[in-house]
């Protein structure tokens, strides 16, 4: 009986230690490949966080800044896990991470397996083209008749391509770096992007420019132009994360994005 009691006590102590350790962290998943929302860099900085799991480098960006603010509000240690876009929903549902903060849009399809906070950023949708492109002076998406346009796989960006009359809808690609190379090589004529991402890409690639449209001349994205934090359905963290997000003012969010844009252009 004594041995059994000791074994039970050890198990309980180990369990308690494990709970304490996990509750002391806020594990956030993102691509670390979607500047200025998130990117990978080799050097440490005041705003970067070491990527967890033995992967080389540090992650920085607007998403990291939002994650850091929420972790601080919750009194938890921020842990960043670098996960491919398509693997993020599975990671949060398998409890590998607590949150997805990765420029993800709240959609009806995703709500089948995830729950979302209110948006933490709202963006315009633009098209990125080569600097020598005949579409550089386009004023409407209608001007892109016959253009070969690409967007990221499994995002609403790919869906809105069909709003362009007579467009050649190219097969979606997995990452923005892949699409950037395709655009630079001439394999496609344009790529869909959120404005902050387009600014970051064109700042780092002077051979590319982005085309922005007036409200009535651009894409109709509605709520799809927003990004939110995703959690596992019925996550016990939801209310506290939403409350922490609510305490980040609109002015702070604008400042954090502008600072992230400035840092991303230095990478």
C-alpha atoms as a PDB file:
ATOM      1  CA  UNK A   1       0.000   0.000   0.000  1.00  0.00           C
ATOM      2  CA  UNK A   2       2.836   2.354   0.861  1.00  0.00           C
ATOM      3  CA  UNK A   3       4.461   1.707  -2.514  1.00  0.00           C
ATOM      4  CA  UNK A   4       1.151   2.343  -4.273  1.00  0.00           C
ATOM      5  CA  UNK A   5       0.626   5.578  -2.343  1.00  0.00           C
ATOM      6  CA  UNK A   6       4.140   6.752  -3.190  1.00  0.00           C
ATOM      7  CA  UNK A   7       3.617   5.948  -6.883  1.00  0.00           C
ATOM      8  CA  UNK A   8       0.322   7.846  -6.938  1.00  0.00           C
ATOM      9  CA  UNK A   9       1.977  10.822  -5.227  1.00  0.00           C
ATOM     10  CA  UNK A  10       4.827  10.845  -7.759  1.00  0.00           C
ATOM     11  CA  UNK A  11       2.375  10.714 -10.670  1.00  0.00           C
ATOM     12  CA  UNK A  12       0.362  13.576  -9.211  1.00  0.00           C
ATOM     13  CA  UNK A  13       3.479  15.668  -8.642  1.00  0.00           C
ATOM     14  CA  UNK A  14       4.728  15.053 -12.174  1.00  0.00           C
ATOM     15  CA  UNK A  15       1.306  15.882 -13.546  1.00  0.00           C
ATOM     16  CA  UNK A  16       1.185  19.089 -11.552  1.00  0.00           C
ATOM     17  CA  UNK A  17       4.650  20.084 -12.759  1.00  0.00           C
ATOM     18  CA  UNK A  18       3.648  19.442 -16.359  1.00  0.00           C
ATOM     19  CA  UNK A  19       0.527  21.565 -15.965  1.00  0.00           C
ATOM     20  CA  UNK A  20       2.472  24.396 -14.378  1.00  0.00           C
ATOM     21  CA  UNK A  21       5.048  24.356 -17.169  1.00  0.00           C
ATOM     22  CA  UNK A  22       2.456  24.409 -19.973  1.00  0.00           C
ATOM     23  CA  UNK A  23       0.299  27.058 -18.319  1.00  0.00           C
ATOM     24  CA  UNK A  24       3.358  29.270 -17.941  1.00  0.00           C
ATOM     25  CA  UNK A  25       3.813  29.450 -21.708  1.00  0.00           C
ATOM     26  CA  UNK A  26       1.807  30.853 -24.589  1.00  0.00           C
ATOM     27  CA  UNK A  27       2.653  28.715 -27.627  1.00  0.00           C
ATOM     28  CA  UNK A  28       1.899  30.572 -30.854  1.00  0.00           C
ATOM     29  CA  UNK A  29       2.136  29.113 -34.352  1.00  0.00           C
ATOM     30  CA  UNK A  30       2.940  31.051 -37.533  1.00  0.00           C
ATOM     31  CA  UNK A  31       4.775  30.558 -40.844  1.00  0.00           C
ATOM     32  CA  UNK A  32       7.606  32.984 -40.055  1.00  0.00           C
ATOM     33  CA  UNK A  33       7.605  33.611 -43.810  1.00  0.00           C
ATOM     34  CA  UNK A  34       4.960  36.292 -44.420  1.00  0.00           C
ATOM     35  CA  UNK A  35       6.526  39.715 -43.859  1.00  0.00           C
ATOM     36  CA  UNK A  36       5.586  42.115 -42.385  1.00  0.00           C
ATOM     37  CA  UNK A  37       3.218  39.883 -40.398  1.00  0.00           C
ATOM     38  CA  UNK A  38       5.951  37.362 -39.616  1.00  0.00           C
ATOM     39  CA  UNK A  39       9.380  36.464 -40.931  1.00  0.00           C
ATOM     40  CA  UNK A  40      12.560  34.566 -40.041  1.00  0.00           C
ATOM     41  CA  UNK A  41      15.873  36.284 -39.341  1.00  0.00           C
ATOM     42  CA  UNK A  42      19.246  34.938 -38.234  1.00  0.00           C
ATOM     43  CA  UNK A  43      20.010  37.550 -35.598  1.00  0.00           C
ATOM     44  CA  UNK A  44      18.361  38.251 -32.275  1.00  0.00           C
ATOM     45  CA  UNK A  45      16.779  41.657 -31.628  1.00  0.00           C
ATOM     46  CA  UNK A  46      14.592  43.432 -29.084  1.00  0.00           C
ATOM     47  CA  UNK A  47      11.455  42.429 -30.989  1.00  0.00           C
ATOM     48  CA  UNK A  48      12.414  38.962 -32.294  1.00  0.00           C
ATOM     49  CA  UNK A  49      11.689  35.660 -30.551  1.00  0.00           C
ATOM     50  CA  UNK A  50      13.818  32.525 -30.866  1.00  0.00           C
ATOM     51  CA  UNK A  51      11.993  29.891 -32.925  1.00  0.00           C
ATOM     52  CA  UNK A  52      11.132  26.888 -30.759  1.00  0.00           C
ATOM     53  CA  UNK A  53      11.888  23.263 -31.575  1.00  0.00           C
ATOM     54  CA  UNK A  54      15.494  23.403 -32.690  1.00  0.00           C
ATOM     55  CA  UNK A  55      14.817  25.339 -35.894  1.00  0.00           C
ATOM     56  CA  UNK A  56      17.422  27.947 -36.713  1.00  0.00           C
ATOM     57  CA  UNK A  57      16.697  31.642 -36.398  1.00  0.00           C
ATOM     58  CA  UNK A  58      14.353  34.110 -34.786  1.00  0.00           C
ATOM     59  CA  UNK A  59      10.850  35.175 -35.763  1.00  0.00           C
ATOM     60  CA  UNK A  60       9.809  38.829 -35.891  1.00  0.00           C
ATOM     61  CA  UNK A  61       6.956  40.847 -37.345  1.00  0.00           C
ATOM     62  CA  UNK A  62       3.547  42.292 -36.586  1.00  0.00           C
ATOM     63  CA  UNK A  63       2.150  38.915 -35.529  1.00  0.00           C
ATOM     64  CA  UNK A  64       5.048  38.459 -33.103  1.00  0.00           C
ATOM     65  CA  UNK A  65       4.395  41.922 -31.635  1.00  0.00           C
ATOM     66  CA  UNK A  66       0.698  41.095 -31.138  1.00  0.00           C
ATOM     67  CA  UNK A  67       1.617  37.713 -29.631  1.00  0.00           C
ATOM     68  CA  UNK A  68       4.136  39.364 -27.286  1.00  0.00           C
ATOM     69  CA  UNK A  69       1.553  41.891 -26.087  1.00  0.00           C
ATOM     70  CA  UNK A  70      -0.988  39.145 -25.378  1.00  0.00           C
ATOM     71  CA  UNK A  71       1.575  36.927 -23.625  1.00  0.00           C
ATOM     72  CA  UNK A  72       2.626  39.844 -21.418  1.00  0.00           C
ATOM     73  CA  UNK A  73      -1.014  40.611 -20.577  1.00  0.00           C
ATOM     74  CA  UNK A  74      -1.592  36.957 -19.616  1.00  0.00           C
ATOM     75  CA  UNK A  75       1.650  36.742 -17.639  1.00  0.00           C
ATOM     76  CA  UNK A  76       2.979  33.939 -19.823  1.00  0.00           C
ATOM     77  CA  UNK A  77       6.250  33.232 -21.611  1.00  0.00           C
ATOM     78  CA  UNK A  78       5.889  33.616 -25.387  1.00  0.00           C
ATOM     79  CA  UNK A  79       6.965  30.586 -27.427  1.00  0.00           C
ATOM     80  CA  UNK A  80       6.970  30.836 -31.229  1.00  0.00           C
ATOM     81  CA  UNK A  81       6.609  27.673 -33.298  1.00  0.00           C
ATOM     82  CA  UNK A  82       7.358  27.838 -37.025  1.00  0.00           C
ATOM     83  CA  UNK A  83       4.720  25.781 -38.840  1.00  0.00           C
ATOM     84  CA  UNK A  84       3.755  25.569 -42.505  1.00  0.00           C
ATOM     85  CA  UNK A  85       0.488  27.344 -43.349  1.00  0.00           C
ATOM     86  CA  UNK A  86      -1.512  24.192 -44.061  1.00  0.00           C
ATOM     87  CA  UNK A  87      -0.328  22.605 -40.812  1.00  0.00           C
ATOM     88  CA  UNK A  88      -1.456  25.405 -38.479  1.00  0.00           C
ATOM     89  CA  UNK A  89      -5.089  24.269 -37.903  1.00  0.00           C
ATOM     90  CA  UNK A  90      -3.985  20.718 -37.123  1.00  0.00           C
ATOM     91  CA  UNK A  91      -1.273  21.995 -34.775  1.00  0.00           C
ATOM     92  CA  UNK A  92      -3.712  24.009 -32.655  1.00  0.00           C
ATOM     93  CA  UNK A  93      -6.278  21.209 -32.605  1.00  0.00           C
ATOM     94  CA  UNK A  94      -3.609  18.682 -31.577  1.00  0.00           C
ATOM     95  CA  UNK A  95      -2.540  20.997 -28.706  1.00  0.00           C
ATOM     96  CA  UNK A  96       0.896  21.503 -30.229  1.00  0.00           C
ATOM     97  CA  UNK A  97       0.192  25.239 -29.999  1.00  0.00           C
ATOM     98  CA  UNK A  98      -2.304  27.412 -28.123  1.00  0.00           C
ATOM     99  CA  UNK A  99      -2.937  30.080 -30.755  1.00  0.00           C
ATOM    100  CA  UNK A 100      -2.534  30.760 -34.449  1.00  0.00           C
ATOM    101  CA  UNK A 101      -1.413  34.341 -35.031  1.00  0.00           C
ATOM    102  CA  UNK A 102      -0.429  34.226 -38.680  1.00  0.00           C
ATOM    103  CA  UNK A 103      -2.441  36.690 -40.735  1.00  0.00           C
ATOM    104  CA  UNK A 104      -5.313  34.177 -40.852  1.00  0.00           C
ATOM    105  CA  UNK A 105      -8.790  35.272 -41.920  1.00  0.00           C
ATOM    106  CA  UNK A 106     -11.905  34.139 -40.062  1.00  0.00           C
ATOM    107  CA  UNK A 107     -13.969  32.251 -42.657  1.00  0.00           C
ATOM    108  CA  UNK A 108     -17.044  30.050 -42.435  1.00  0.00           C
ATOM    109  CA  UNK A 109     -15.036  27.059 -43.627  1.00  0.00           C
ATOM    110  CA  UNK A 110     -12.353  27.529 -40.967  1.00  0.00           C
ATOM    111  CA  UNK A 111     -14.958  28.029 -38.241  1.00  0.00           C
ATOM    112  CA  UNK A 112     -15.849  24.349 -38.647  1.00  0.00           C
ATOM    113  CA  UNK A 113     -12.653  23.451 -36.786  1.00  0.00           C
ATOM    114  CA  UNK A 114     -11.418  26.710 -35.212  1.00  0.00           C
ATOM    115  CA  UNK A 115     -12.725  29.608 -33.166  1.00  0.00           C
ATOM    116  CA  UNK A 116     -11.646  33.181 -33.890  1.00  0.00           C
ATOM    117  CA  UNK A 117     -11.194  36.386 -31.958  1.00  0.00           C
ATOM    118  CA  UNK A 118     -12.263  39.725 -33.354  1.00  0.00           C
ATOM    119  CA  UNK A 119      -9.883  40.995 -36.065  1.00  0.00           C
ATOM    120  CA  UNK A 120      -6.496  42.335 -35.036  1.00  0.00           C
ATOM    121  CA  UNK A 121      -5.796  43.911 -38.435  1.00  0.00           C
ATOM    122  CA  UNK A 122      -7.766  45.108 -41.471  1.00  0.00           C
ATOM    123  CA  UNK A 123      -6.025  45.398 -44.823  1.00  0.00           C
ATOM    124  CA  UNK A 124      -6.559  46.448 -48.438  1.00  0.00           C
ATOM    125  CA  UNK A 125      -6.075  43.917 -51.222  1.00  0.00           C
ATOM    126  CA  UNK A 126      -3.680  44.821 -54.043  1.00  0.00           C
ATOM    127  CA  UNK A 127      -1.866  43.241 -56.966  1.00  0.00           C
ATOM    128  CA  UNK A 128       1.923  43.058 -57.237  1.00  0.00           C
ATOM    129  CA  UNK A 129       3.424  43.294 -60.728  1.00  0.00           C
ATOM    130  CA  UNK A 130       6.873  43.724 -62.281  1.00  0.00           C
ATOM    131  CA  UNK A 131       8.142  47.283 -62.561  1.00  0.00           C
ATOM    132  CA  UNK A 132       8.170  46.964 -66.369  1.00  0.00           C
ATOM    133  CA  UNK A 133       4.648  45.510 -66.479  1.00  0.00           C
ATOM    134  CA  UNK A 134       2.008  46.922 -68.863  1.00  0.00           C
ATOM    135  CA  UNK A 135      -0.366  46.824 -65.857  1.00  0.00           C
ATOM    136  CA  UNK A 136       1.718  49.169 -63.711  1.00  0.00           C
ATOM    137  CA  UNK A 137      -0.698  52.063 -64.291  1.00  0.00           C
ATOM    138  CA  UNK A 138      -3.890  50.013 -63.986  1.00  0.00           C
ATOM    139  CA  UNK A 139      -6.696  51.806 -62.167  1.00  0.00           C
ATOM    140  CA  UNK A 140      -9.097  48.885 -61.814  1.00  0.00           C
ATOM    141  CA  UNK A 141      -8.930  45.120 -61.473  1.00  0.00           C
ATOM    142  CA  UNK A 142     -10.891  45.111 -64.743  1.00  0.00           C
ATOM    143  CA  UNK A 143      -7.725  46.365 -66.453  1.00  0.00           C
ATOM    144  CA  UNK A 144      -6.079  42.992 -65.761  1.00  0.00           C
ATOM    145  CA  UNK A 145      -8.037  41.272 -68.539  1.00  0.00           C
ATOM    146  CA  UNK A 146      -5.911  38.380 -69.834  1.00  0.00           C
ATOM    147  CA  UNK A 147      -3.327  38.641 -67.033  1.00  0.00           C
ATOM    148  CA  UNK A 148      -1.911  35.508 -65.433  1.00  0.00           C
ATOM    149  CA  UNK A 149      -2.619  36.007 -61.725  1.00  0.00           C
ATOM    150  CA  UNK A 150      -1.581  33.822 -58.794  1.00  0.00           C
ATOM    151  CA  UNK A 151      -2.341  33.773 -55.062  1.00  0.00           C
ATOM    152  CA  UNK A 152      -1.416  31.740 -52.012  1.00  0.00           C
ATOM    153  CA  UNK A 153      -2.895  28.273 -51.657  1.00  0.00           C
ATOM    154  CA  UNK A 154      -5.835  27.798 -49.258  1.00  0.00           C
ATOM    155  CA  UNK A 155      -6.469  31.513 -48.753  1.00  0.00           C
ATOM    156  CA  UNK A 156      -9.320  33.794 -49.783  1.00  0.00           C
ATOM    157  CA  UNK A 157      -6.740  35.607 -51.941  1.00  0.00           C
ATOM    158  CA  UNK A 158      -7.044  32.759 -54.416  1.00  0.00           C
ATOM    159  CA  UNK A 159     -10.835  32.999 -54.452  1.00  0.00           C
ATOM    160  CA  UNK A 160     -11.004  36.711 -55.289  1.00  0.00           C
ATOM    161  CA  UNK A 161      -8.927  36.281 -58.449  1.00  0.00           C
ATOM    162  CA  UNK A 162     -12.162  35.257 -60.160  1.00  0.00           C
ATOM    163  CA  UNK A 163     -13.428  38.830 -59.692  1.00  0.00           C
ATOM    164  CA  UNK A 164     -11.065  39.904 -62.488  1.00  0.00           C
ATOM    165  CA  UNK A 165     -12.882  39.644 -65.872  1.00  0.00           C
ATOM    166  CA  UNK A 166     -11.086  37.424 -68.359  1.00  0.00           C
ATOM    167  CA  UNK A 167      -8.306  36.578 -65.926  1.00  0.00           C
ATOM    168  CA  UNK A 168      -5.997  33.601 -66.358  1.00  0.00           C
ATOM    169  CA  UNK A 169      -6.239  32.080 -62.897  1.00  0.00           C
ATOM    170  CA  UNK A 170      -2.907  30.390 -62.252  1.00  0.00           C
ATOM    171  CA  UNK A 171      -2.519  27.440 -59.882  1.00  0.00           C
ATOM    172  CA  UNK A 172      -2.145  28.661 -56.310  1.00  0.00           C
ATOM    173  CA  UNK A 173       1.270  28.393 -54.640  1.00  0.00           C
ATOM    174  CA  UNK A 174       2.221  27.520 -51.087  1.00  0.00           C
ATOM    175  CA  UNK A 175       4.201  30.582 -50.039  1.00  0.00           C
ATOM    176  CA  UNK A 176       4.773  34.224 -50.930  1.00  0.00           C
ATOM    177  CA  UNK A 177       8.486  33.682 -51.658  1.00  0.00           C
ATOM    178  CA  UNK A 178       7.514  31.093 -54.283  1.00  0.00           C
ATOM    179  CA  UNK A 179       5.015  33.497 -55.855  1.00  0.00           C
ATOM    180  CA  UNK A 180       7.560  36.319 -55.811  1.00  0.00           C
ATOM    181  CA  UNK A 181      10.052  34.207 -57.739  1.00  0.00           C
ATOM    182  CA  UNK A 182       7.344  33.190 -60.224  1.00  0.00           C
ATOM    183  CA  UNK A 183       6.447  36.846 -60.780  1.00  0.00           C
ATOM    184  CA  UNK A 184      10.058  37.942 -61.182  1.00  0.00           C
ATOM    185  CA  UNK A 185      10.758  35.126 -63.646  1.00  0.00           C
ATOM    186  CA  UNK A 186       7.759  36.032 -65.810  1.00  0.00           C
ATOM    187  CA  UNK A 187       5.876  32.812 -65.085  1.00  0.00           C
ATOM    188  CA  UNK A 188       2.946  34.947 -63.894  1.00  0.00           C
ATOM    189  CA  UNK A 189       1.946  38.577 -64.474  1.00  0.00           C
ATOM    190  CA  UNK A 190       0.604  39.485 -61.036  1.00  0.00           C
ATOM    191  CA  UNK A 191       0.122  38.152 -57.533  1.00  0.00           C
ATOM    192  CA  UNK A 192      -2.609  38.962 -54.997  1.00  0.00           C
ATOM    193  CA  UNK A 193      -1.464  40.388 -51.689  1.00  0.00           C
ATOM    194  CA  UNK A 194      -2.540  42.324 -48.632  1.00  0.00           C
ATOM    195  CA  UNK A 195      -1.184  45.876 -48.707  1.00  0.00           C
ATOM    196  CA  UNK A 196       1.334  45.555 -45.821  1.00  0.00           C
ATOM    197  CA  UNK A 197       2.785  42.394 -47.363  1.00  0.00           C
ATOM    198  CA  UNK A 198       2.987  44.093 -50.763  1.00  0.00           C
ATOM    199  CA  UNK A 199       4.852  47.032 -49.233  1.00  0.00           C
ATOM    200  CA  UNK A 200       7.343  44.671 -47.591  1.00  0.00           C
ATOM    201  CA  UNK A 201       7.868  42.655 -50.791  1.00  0.00           C
ATOM    202  CA  UNK A 202       8.339  45.680 -53.052  1.00  0.00           C
ATOM    203  CA  UNK A 203      10.639  47.375 -50.531  1.00  0.00           C
ATOM    204  CA  UNK A 204      12.911  44.340 -50.708  1.00  0.00           C
ATOM    205  CA  UNK A 205      12.494  43.764 -54.465  1.00  0.00           C
ATOM    206  CA  UNK A 206      12.863  47.019 -56.449  1.00  0.00           C
ATOM    207  CA  UNK A 207      11.965  45.185 -59.661  1.00  0.00           C
ATOM    208  CA  UNK A 208       8.409  44.812 -58.326  1.00  0.00           C
ATOM    209  CA  UNK A 209       5.655  47.351 -57.586  1.00  0.00           C
ATOM    210  CA  UNK A 210       2.149  47.055 -56.203  1.00  0.00           C
ATOM    211  CA  UNK A 211      -1.024  48.419 -57.767  1.00  0.00           C
ATOM    212  CA  UNK A 212      -3.599  49.816 -55.338  1.00  0.00           C
ATOM    213  CA  UNK A 213      -7.199  50.530 -56.302  1.00  0.00           C
ATOM    214  CA  UNK A 214      -9.944  52.913 -55.250  1.00  0.00           C
ATOM    215  CA  UNK A 215     -12.729  51.244 -53.254  1.00  0.00           C
ATOM    216  CA  UNK A 216     -15.116  50.806 -56.184  1.00  0.00           C
ATOM    217  CA  UNK A 217     -12.356  49.667 -58.558  1.00  0.00           C
ATOM    218  CA  UNK A 218     -10.667  47.002 -56.456  1.00  0.00           C
ATOM    219  CA  UNK A 219     -11.460  43.601 -55.027  1.00  0.00           C
ATOM    220  CA  UNK A 220     -14.620  43.026 -53.037  1.00  0.00           C
ATOM    221  CA  UNK A 221     -13.222  41.257 -49.993  1.00  0.00           C
ATOM    222  CA  UNK A 222     -15.524  42.396 -47.182  1.00  0.00           C
ATOM    223  CA  UNK A 223     -14.660  40.743 -43.881  1.00  0.00           C
ATOM    224  CA  UNK A 224     -12.115  38.601 -45.723  1.00  0.00           C
ATOM    225  CA  UNK A 225      -9.720  41.558 -45.616  1.00  0.00           C
ATOM    226  CA  UNK A 226      -9.422  41.103 -41.851  1.00  0.00           C
ATOM    227  CA  UNK A 227      -7.114  38.794 -39.905  1.00  0.00           C
ATOM    228  CA  UNK A 228      -7.908  37.234 -36.531  1.00  0.00           C
ATOM    229  CA  UNK A 229      -6.367  34.992 -33.891  1.00  0.00           C
ATOM    230  CA  UNK A 230      -7.448  31.348 -34.163  1.00  0.00           C
ATOM    231  CA  UNK A 231      -7.828  28.910 -31.270  1.00  0.00           C
ATOM    232  CA  UNK A 232      -9.092  25.405 -30.771  1.00  0.00           C
ATOM    233  CA  UNK A 233     -12.878  25.307 -30.415  1.00  0.00           C
ATOM    234  CA  UNK A 234     -13.832  25.619 -26.731  1.00  0.00           C
ATOM    235  CA  UNK A 235     -10.271  26.647 -25.822  1.00  0.00           C
ATOM    236  CA  UNK A 236     -10.185  27.784 -22.166  1.00  0.00           C
ATOM    237  CA  UNK A 237      -7.871  30.592 -23.272  1.00  0.00           C
ATOM    238  CA  UNK A 238     -10.373  32.243 -25.590  1.00  0.00           C
ATOM    239  CA  UNK A 239     -11.889  34.811 -23.219  1.00  0.00           C
ATOM    240  CA  UNK A 240      -8.563  35.902 -21.748  1.00  0.00           C
ATOM    241  CA  UNK A 241      -6.958  36.177 -25.188  1.00  0.00           C
ATOM    242  CA  UNK A 242      -9.891  38.236 -26.503  1.00  0.00           C
ATOM    243  CA  UNK A 243      -9.742  40.524 -23.476  1.00  0.00           C
ATOM    244  CA  UNK A 244      -5.990  40.985 -23.913  1.00  0.00           C
ATOM    245  CA  UNK A 245      -6.502  41.771 -27.603  1.00  0.00           C
ATOM    246  CA  UNK A 246      -9.192  44.311 -26.717  1.00  0.00           C
ATOM    247  CA  UNK A 247      -6.644  46.170 -24.623  1.00  0.00           C
ATOM    248  CA  UNK A 248      -4.417  46.777 -27.680  1.00  0.00           C
ATOM    249  CA  UNK A 249      -5.786  50.038 -29.068  1.00  0.00           C
ATOM    250  CA  UNK A 250      -6.241  50.799 -32.770  1.00  0.00           C
ATOM    251  CA  UNK A 251      -3.479  53.407 -32.492  1.00  0.00           C
ATOM    252  CA  UNK A 252      -1.108  50.829 -30.991  1.00  0.00           C
ATOM    253  CA  UNK A 253      -1.915  48.369 -33.782  1.00  0.00           C
ATOM    254  CA  UNK A 254      -1.117  50.945 -36.464  1.00  0.00           C
ATOM    255  CA  UNK A 255       2.172  51.767 -34.738  1.00  0.00           C
ATOM    256  CA  UNK A 256       3.112  48.088 -34.423  1.00  0.00           C
ATOM    257  CA  UNK A 257       2.427  47.500 -38.128  1.00  0.00           C
ATOM    258  CA  UNK A 258       4.427  50.559 -39.210  1.00  0.00           C
ATOM    259  CA  UNK A 259       7.341  49.436 -37.038  1.00  0.00           C
ATOM    260  CA  UNK A 260       7.141  45.913 -38.451  1.00  0.00           C
ATOM    261  CA  UNK A 261       7.161  47.301 -42.000  1.00  0.00           C
ATOM    262  CA  UNK A 262      10.268  49.348 -41.205  1.00  0.00           C
ATOM    263  CA  UNK A 263      12.075  46.337 -39.732  1.00  0.00           C
ATOM    264  CA  UNK A 264      11.077  44.031 -42.589  1.00  0.00           C
ATOM    265  CA  UNK A 265      12.644  46.400 -45.138  1.00  0.00           C
ATOM    266  CA  UNK A 266      15.948  46.047 -43.289  1.00  0.00           C
ATOM    267  CA  UNK A 267      16.007  42.276 -43.624  1.00  0.00           C
END
